[in-house]
C-alpha atoms as a PDB file:
ATOM      1  CA  UNK A   1      81.884 133.936  14.637  1.00  0.00           C
ATOM      2  CA  UNK A   2      83.283 137.296  13.622  1.00  0.00           C
ATOM      3  CA  UNK A   3      79.797 138.354  12.582  1.00  0.00           C
ATOM      4  CA  UNK A   4      78.365 137.371  15.973  1.00  0.00           C
ATOM      5  CA  UNK A   5      81.091 139.311  17.802  1.00  0.00           C
ATOM      6  CA  UNK A   6      80.508 142.372  15.629  1.00  0.00           C
ATOM      7  CA  UNK A   7      76.774 142.156  16.252  1.00  0.00           C
ATOM      8  CA  UNK A   8      77.266 141.915  20.012  1.00  0.00           C
ATOM      9  CA  UNK A   9      79.744 144.808  20.023  1.00  0.00           C
ATOM     10  CA  UNK A  10      77.426 146.993  17.945  1.00  0.00           C
ATOM     11  CA  UNK A  11      74.412 146.142  20.114  1.00  0.00           C
ATOM     12  CA  UNK A  12      76.393 146.935  23.266  1.00  0.00           C
ATOM     13  CA  UNK A  13      77.430 150.341  21.904  1.00  0.00           C
ATOM     14  CA  UNK A  14      73.855 151.094  20.864  1.00  0.00           C
ATOM     15  CA  UNK A  15      72.572 150.146  24.330  1.00  0.00           C
ATOM     16  CA  UNK A  16      75.259 152.274  25.995  1.00  0.00           C
ATOM     17  CA  UNK A  17      74.322 155.310  23.866  1.00  0.00           C
ATOM     18  CA  UNK A  18      70.638 154.812  24.644  1.00  0.00           C
ATOM     19  CA  UNK A  19      71.309 154.690  28.391  1.00  0.00           C
ATOM     20  CA  UNK A  20      73.390 157.878  28.267  1.00  0.00           C
ATOM     21  CA  UNK A  21      70.650 159.580  26.249  1.00  0.00           C
ATOM     22  CA  UNK A  22      67.973 158.568  28.802  1.00  0.00           C
ATOM     23  CA  UNK A  23      70.032 160.126  31.595  1.00  0.00           C
ATOM     24  CA  UNK A  24      70.029 163.452  29.698  1.00  0.00           C
ATOM     25  CA  UNK A  25      66.198 163.635  29.625  1.00  0.00           C
ATOM     26  CA  UNK A  26      64.998 166.080  32.291  1.00  0.00           C
ATOM     27  CA  UNK A  27      62.655 164.852  34.983  1.00  0.00           C
ATOM     28  CA  UNK A  28      59.425 166.819  35.476  1.00  0.00           C
ATOM     29  CA  UNK A  29      59.837 169.765  37.854  1.00  0.00           C
ATOM     30  CA  UNK A  30      59.197 168.782  41.485  1.00  0.00           C
ATOM     31  CA  UNK A  31      56.576 171.520  41.924  1.00  0.00           C
ATOM     32  CA  UNK A  32      54.341 169.990  39.228  1.00  0.00           C
ATOM     33  CA  UNK A  33      54.598 166.502  40.708  1.00  0.00           C
ATOM     34  CA  UNK A  34      53.919 167.658  44.284  1.00  0.00           C
ATOM     35  CA  UNK A  35      51.059 170.094  43.556  1.00  0.00           C
ATOM     36  CA  UNK A  36      48.069 169.269  45.775  1.00  0.00           C
ATOM     37  CA  UNK A  37      45.182 167.598  43.997  1.00  0.00           C
ATOM     38  CA  UNK A  38      41.894 169.464  43.737  1.00  0.00           C
ATOM     39  CA  UNK A  39      39.425 168.157  46.329  1.00  0.00           C
ATOM     40  CA  UNK A  40      36.629 165.973  44.965  1.00  0.00           C
ATOM     41  CA  UNK A  41      33.349 167.792  45.475  1.00  0.00           C
ATOM     42  CA  UNK A  42      30.953 166.718  42.737  1.00  0.00           C
ATOM     43  CA  UNK A  43      29.172 163.478  43.516  1.00  0.00           C
ATOM     44  CA  UNK A  44      27.078 161.726  46.137  1.00  0.00           C
ATOM     45  CA  UNK A  45      27.911 162.061  49.829  1.00  0.00           C
ATOM     46  CA  UNK A  46      26.549 159.844  52.633  1.00  0.00           C
ATOM     47  CA  UNK A  47      26.022 161.988  55.729  1.00  0.00           C
ATOM     48  CA  UNK A  48      24.745 161.608  59.276  1.00  0.00           C
ATOM     49  CA  UNK A  49      24.482 163.801  62.309  1.00  0.00           C
ATOM     50  CA  UNK A  50      22.179 165.540  64.719  1.00  0.00           C
ATOM     51  CA  UNK A  51      19.648 168.375  64.584  1.00  0.00           C
ATOM     52  CA  UNK A  52      19.225 170.537  67.701  1.00  0.00           C
ATOM     53  CA  UNK A  53      16.213 172.818  68.261  1.00  0.00           C
ATOM     54  CA  UNK A  54      17.789 176.144  69.170  1.00  0.00           C
ATOM     55  CA  UNK A  55      15.230 177.202  71.832  1.00  0.00           C
ATOM     56  CA  UNK A  56      14.487 173.862  73.555  1.00  0.00           C
ATOM     57  CA  UNK A  57      17.737 171.963  73.044  1.00  0.00           C
ATOM     58  CA  UNK A  58      15.794 168.876  71.860  1.00  0.00           C
ATOM     59  CA  UNK A  59      17.807 166.676  69.508  1.00  0.00           C
ATOM     60  CA  UNK A  60      17.053 164.197  66.745  1.00  0.00           C
ATOM     61  CA  UNK A  61      19.232 162.040  64.529  1.00  0.00           C
ATOM     62  CA  UNK A  62      19.378 162.771  60.795  1.00  0.00           C
ATOM     63  CA  UNK A  63      21.070 160.853  57.954  1.00  0.00           C
ATOM     64  CA  UNK A  64      20.904 160.430  54.196  1.00  0.00           C
ATOM     65  CA  UNK A  65      22.499 161.560  50.960  1.00  0.00           C
ATOM     66  CA  UNK A  66      23.556 164.865  49.479  1.00  0.00           C
ATOM     67  CA  UNK A  67      24.428 165.241  45.808  1.00  0.00           C
ATOM     68  CA  UNK A  68      26.802 168.103  45.028  1.00  0.00           C
ATOM     69  CA  UNK A  69      27.734 169.444  41.591  1.00  0.00           C
ATOM     70  CA  UNK A  70      30.525 172.000  41.275  1.00  0.00           C
ATOM     71  CA  UNK A  71      30.792 174.401  38.359  1.00  0.00           C
ATOM     72  CA  UNK A  72      33.826 176.637  38.807  1.00  0.00           C
ATOM     73  CA  UNK A  73      33.481 178.566  42.068  1.00  0.00           C
ATOM     74  CA  UNK A  74      29.746 177.709  42.441  1.00  0.00           C
ATOM     75  CA  UNK A  75      27.919 174.559  43.517  1.00  0.00           C
ATOM     76  CA  UNK A  76      24.384 173.190  43.530  1.00  0.00           C
ATOM     77  CA  UNK A  77      23.026 170.512  45.835  1.00  0.00           C
ATOM     78  CA  UNK A  78      20.045 168.236  46.232  1.00  0.00           C
ATOM     79  CA  UNK A  79      19.448 166.143  49.303  1.00  0.00           C
ATOM     80  CA  UNK A  80      17.255 163.455  50.799  1.00  0.00           C
ATOM     81  CA  UNK A  81      17.677 162.995  54.535  1.00  0.00           C
ATOM     82  CA  UNK A  82      15.728 160.878  57.040  1.00  0.00           C
ATOM     83  CA  UNK A  83      14.819 161.882  60.577  1.00  0.00           C
ATOM     84  CA  UNK A  84      12.217 161.122  63.231  1.00  0.00           C
ATOM     85  CA  UNK A  85       9.950 163.864  64.572  1.00  0.00           C
ATOM     86  CA  UNK A  86       8.114 163.870  67.879  1.00  0.00           C
ATOM     87  CA  UNK A  87       4.313 164.093  67.687  1.00  0.00           C
ATOM     88  CA  UNK A  88       1.323 163.649  70.011  1.00  0.00           C
ATOM     89  CA  UNK A  89       0.748 160.170  68.524  1.00  0.00           C
ATOM     90  CA  UNK A  90       4.363 159.146  68.982  1.00  0.00           C
ATOM     91  CA  UNK A  91       7.431 159.463  66.791  1.00  0.00           C
ATOM     92  CA  UNK A  92       6.863 159.823  63.034  1.00  0.00           C
ATOM     93  CA  UNK A  93       9.363 159.284  60.259  1.00  0.00           C
ATOM     94  CA  UNK A  94      10.078 162.234  58.004  1.00  0.00           C
ATOM     95  CA  UNK A  95      12.084 162.943  54.884  1.00  0.00           C
ATOM     96  CA  UNK A  96      13.947 166.227  54.682  1.00  0.00           C
ATOM     97  CA  UNK A  97      14.284 167.039  50.983  1.00  0.00           C
ATOM     98  CA  UNK A  98      15.409 170.053  49.039  1.00  0.00           C
ATOM     99  CA  UNK A  99      17.994 171.853  47.019  1.00  0.00           C
ATOM    100  CA  UNK A 100      20.597 174.514  47.513  1.00  0.00           C
ATOM    101  CA  UNK A 101      23.368 176.503  45.934  1.00  0.00           C
ATOM    102  CA  UNK A 102      26.306 178.589  46.910  1.00  0.00           C
ATOM    103  CA  UNK A 103      29.971 179.405  46.473  1.00  0.00           C
ATOM    104  CA  UNK A 104      33.135 177.328  46.671  1.00  0.00           C
ATOM    105  CA  UNK A 105      36.290 178.864  48.117  1.00  0.00           C
ATOM    106  CA  UNK A 106      39.079 176.265  48.254  1.00  0.00           C
ATOM    107  CA  UNK A 107      37.779 173.556  50.586  1.00  0.00           C
ATOM    108  CA  UNK A 108      34.891 175.631  51.988  1.00  0.00           C
ATOM    109  CA  UNK A 109      31.325 175.807  50.662  1.00  0.00           C
ATOM    110  CA  UNK A 110      28.853 178.490  51.763  1.00  0.00           C
ATOM    111  CA  UNK A 111      25.279 178.767  50.602  1.00  0.00           C
ATOM    112  CA  UNK A 112      21.527 178.607  51.082  1.00  0.00           C
ATOM    113  CA  UNK A 113      19.125 175.659  50.948  1.00  0.00           C
ATOM    114  CA  UNK A 114      15.371 175.468  50.494  1.00  0.00           C
ATOM    115  CA  UNK A 115      13.885 172.490  52.282  1.00  0.00           C
ATOM    116  CA  UNK A 116      10.578 170.744  52.828  1.00  0.00           C
ATOM    117  CA  UNK A 117       9.710 168.105  55.365  1.00  0.00           C
ATOM    118  CA  UNK A 118       7.611 165.157  54.177  1.00  0.00           C
ATOM    119  CA  UNK A 119       5.913 163.476  57.137  1.00  0.00           C
ATOM    120  CA  UNK A 120       4.585 159.936  57.206  1.00  0.00           C
ATOM    121  CA  UNK A 121       0.874 159.572  57.945  1.00  0.00           C
ATOM    122  CA  UNK A 122       1.472 156.184  59.592  1.00  0.00           C
ATOM    123  CA  UNK A 123       3.496 155.845  62.804  1.00  0.00           C
ATOM    124  CA  UNK A 124       6.909 154.198  62.408  1.00  0.00           C
ATOM    125  CA  UNK A 125       6.631 153.907  58.605  1.00  0.00           C
ATOM    126  CA  UNK A 126       8.969 155.587  56.141  1.00  0.00           C
ATOM    127  CA  UNK A 127       7.091 158.311  54.203  1.00  0.00           C
ATOM    128  CA  UNK A 128       8.784 157.116  51.007  1.00  0.00           C
ATOM    129  CA  UNK A 129       7.162 153.675  51.252  1.00  0.00           C
ATOM    130  CA  UNK A 130       4.528 153.050  48.568  1.00  0.00           C
ATOM    131  CA  UNK A 131       0.902 153.843  49.446  1.00  0.00           C
ATOM    132  CA  UNK A 132       1.765 155.320  52.846  1.00  0.00           C
ATOM    133  CA  UNK A 133      -0.241 158.487  53.456  1.00  0.00           C
ATOM    134  CA  UNK A 134       2.043 161.467  53.840  1.00  0.00           C
ATOM    135  CA  UNK A 135       1.835 165.189  54.192  1.00  0.00           C
ATOM    136  CA  UNK A 136       4.091 167.968  53.044  1.00  0.00           C
ATOM    137  CA  UNK A 137       5.252 169.899  56.036  1.00  0.00           C
ATOM    138  CA  UNK A 138       6.989 173.144  56.699  1.00  0.00           C
ATOM    139  CA  UNK A 139       9.139 174.986  54.174  1.00  0.00           C
ATOM    140  CA  UNK A 140      12.520 175.892  55.624  1.00  0.00           C
ATOM    141  CA  UNK A 141      15.323 178.216  54.507  1.00  0.00           C
ATOM    142  CA  UNK A 142      18.829 177.433  55.749  1.00  0.00           C
ATOM    143  CA  UNK A 143      22.286 178.915  55.709  1.00  0.00           C
ATOM    144  CA  UNK A 144      24.921 176.250  55.156  1.00  0.00           C
ATOM    145  CA  UNK A 145      28.663 175.996  55.557  1.00  0.00           C
ATOM    146  CA  UNK A 146      30.668 172.907  54.661  1.00  0.00           C
ATOM    147  CA  UNK A 147      34.349 172.070  54.849  1.00  0.00           C
ATOM    148  CA  UNK A 148      36.167 169.305  52.974  1.00  0.00           C
ATOM    149  CA  UNK A 149      38.821 167.724  55.193  1.00  0.00           C
ATOM    150  CA  UNK A 150      42.196 166.475  53.966  1.00  0.00           C
ATOM    151  CA  UNK A 151      41.048 162.884  54.594  1.00  0.00           C
ATOM    152  CA  UNK A 152      38.199 163.295  52.066  1.00  0.00           C
ATOM    153  CA  UNK A 153      35.342 163.668  54.560  1.00  0.00           C
ATOM    154  CA  UNK A 154      32.919 166.574  54.700  1.00  0.00           C
ATOM    155  CA  UNK A 155      31.639 168.486  57.758  1.00  0.00           C
ATOM    156  CA  UNK A 156      28.447 170.525  57.313  1.00  0.00           C
ATOM    157  CA  UNK A 157      26.758 173.073  59.597  1.00  0.00           C
ATOM    158  CA  UNK A 158      23.197 174.136  58.787  1.00  0.00           C
ATOM    159  CA  UNK A 159      21.232 176.890  60.540  1.00  0.00           C
ATOM    160  CA  UNK A 160      17.524 176.633  59.655  1.00  0.00           C
ATOM    161  CA  UNK A 161      14.647 179.089  59.981  1.00  0.00           C
ATOM    162  CA  UNK A 162      11.045 178.860  58.766  1.00  0.00           C
ATOM    163  CA  UNK A 163      10.357 180.268  55.305  1.00  0.00           C
ATOM    164  CA  UNK A 164       8.161 183.405  55.346  1.00  0.00           C
ATOM    165  CA  UNK A 165       4.632 182.496  56.515  1.00  0.00           C
ATOM    166  CA  UNK A 166       5.700 179.104  57.949  1.00  0.00           C
ATOM    167  CA  UNK A 167       5.950 177.866  61.537  1.00  0.00           C
ATOM    168  CA  UNK A 168       9.105 175.974  62.508  1.00  0.00           C
ATOM    169  CA  UNK A 169      11.357 175.902  65.563  1.00  0.00           C
ATOM    170  CA  UNK A 170      14.780 177.182  64.498  1.00  0.00           C
ATOM    171  CA  UNK A 171      17.407 174.451  64.404  1.00  0.00           C
ATOM    172  CA  UNK A 172      21.115 173.862  63.971  1.00  0.00           C
ATOM    173  CA  UNK A 173      22.167 170.659  62.220  1.00  0.00           C
ATOM    174  CA  UNK A 174      25.672 169.241  62.187  1.00  0.00           C
ATOM    175  CA  UNK A 175      26.483 166.541  59.627  1.00  0.00           C
ATOM    176  CA  UNK A 176      29.621 164.567  58.831  1.00  0.00           C
ATOM    177  CA  UNK A 177      29.985 162.391  55.793  1.00  0.00           C
ATOM    178  CA  UNK A 178      32.061 160.589  53.252  1.00  0.00           C
ATOM    179  CA  UNK A 179      32.199 160.542  49.483  1.00  0.00           C
ATOM    180  CA  UNK A 180      30.091 157.707  48.068  1.00  0.00           C
ATOM    181  CA  UNK A 181      30.161 158.040  44.265  1.00  0.00           C
ATOM    182  CA  UNK A 182      31.106 160.519  41.537  1.00  0.00           C
ATOM    183  CA  UNK A 183      28.497 162.129  39.343  1.00  0.00           C
ATOM    184  CA  UNK A 184      27.667 160.079  36.284  1.00  0.00           C
ATOM    185  CA  UNK A 185      28.074 161.612  32.877  1.00  0.00           C
ATOM    186  CA  UNK A 186      25.103 161.162  30.595  1.00  0.00           C
ATOM    187  CA  UNK A 187      25.704 158.450  28.034  1.00  0.00           C
ATOM    188  CA  UNK A 188      25.140 159.056  24.356  1.00  0.00           C
ATOM    189  CA  UNK A 189      22.254 157.644  22.313  1.00  0.00           C
END
């Protein structure tokens, strides 16, 4: 019985010393714990919005995906967007594809994109559908500005002009989107 009492007394003292020692350990500084997290930029973004022809005011819906990759204060992008264009034979589906690059300053991206429009040769059929005739349309150069919001969404403004030697009605596109998936890292062999 004396052994049991001694064991309990020794264990209690050890526990008491351990608790006092834990209280002496400094907590991490509040500034490190409350530092704002870097915004997530690299990955796939689902976007949708409207394109407005600057001269006529005509509008069309546009939606799709943008893949962004950040490297320091620079970014690159690729995109695949869907829209419908007016034509003499009725509306035709078109893919707006391309790539861009630019600078990152905090939550703001500014850059340039190079775009092509792929137009379906069959009315009301997606130009990406197998065996559908399609034509490569106008080359476009755009100035872009995007802002990452605190809630994780992205707002993008695009001002587009025809590339040299091309014919295209200048447009302004406004897109809003949400983060869909991070970039995948290549797996090893």
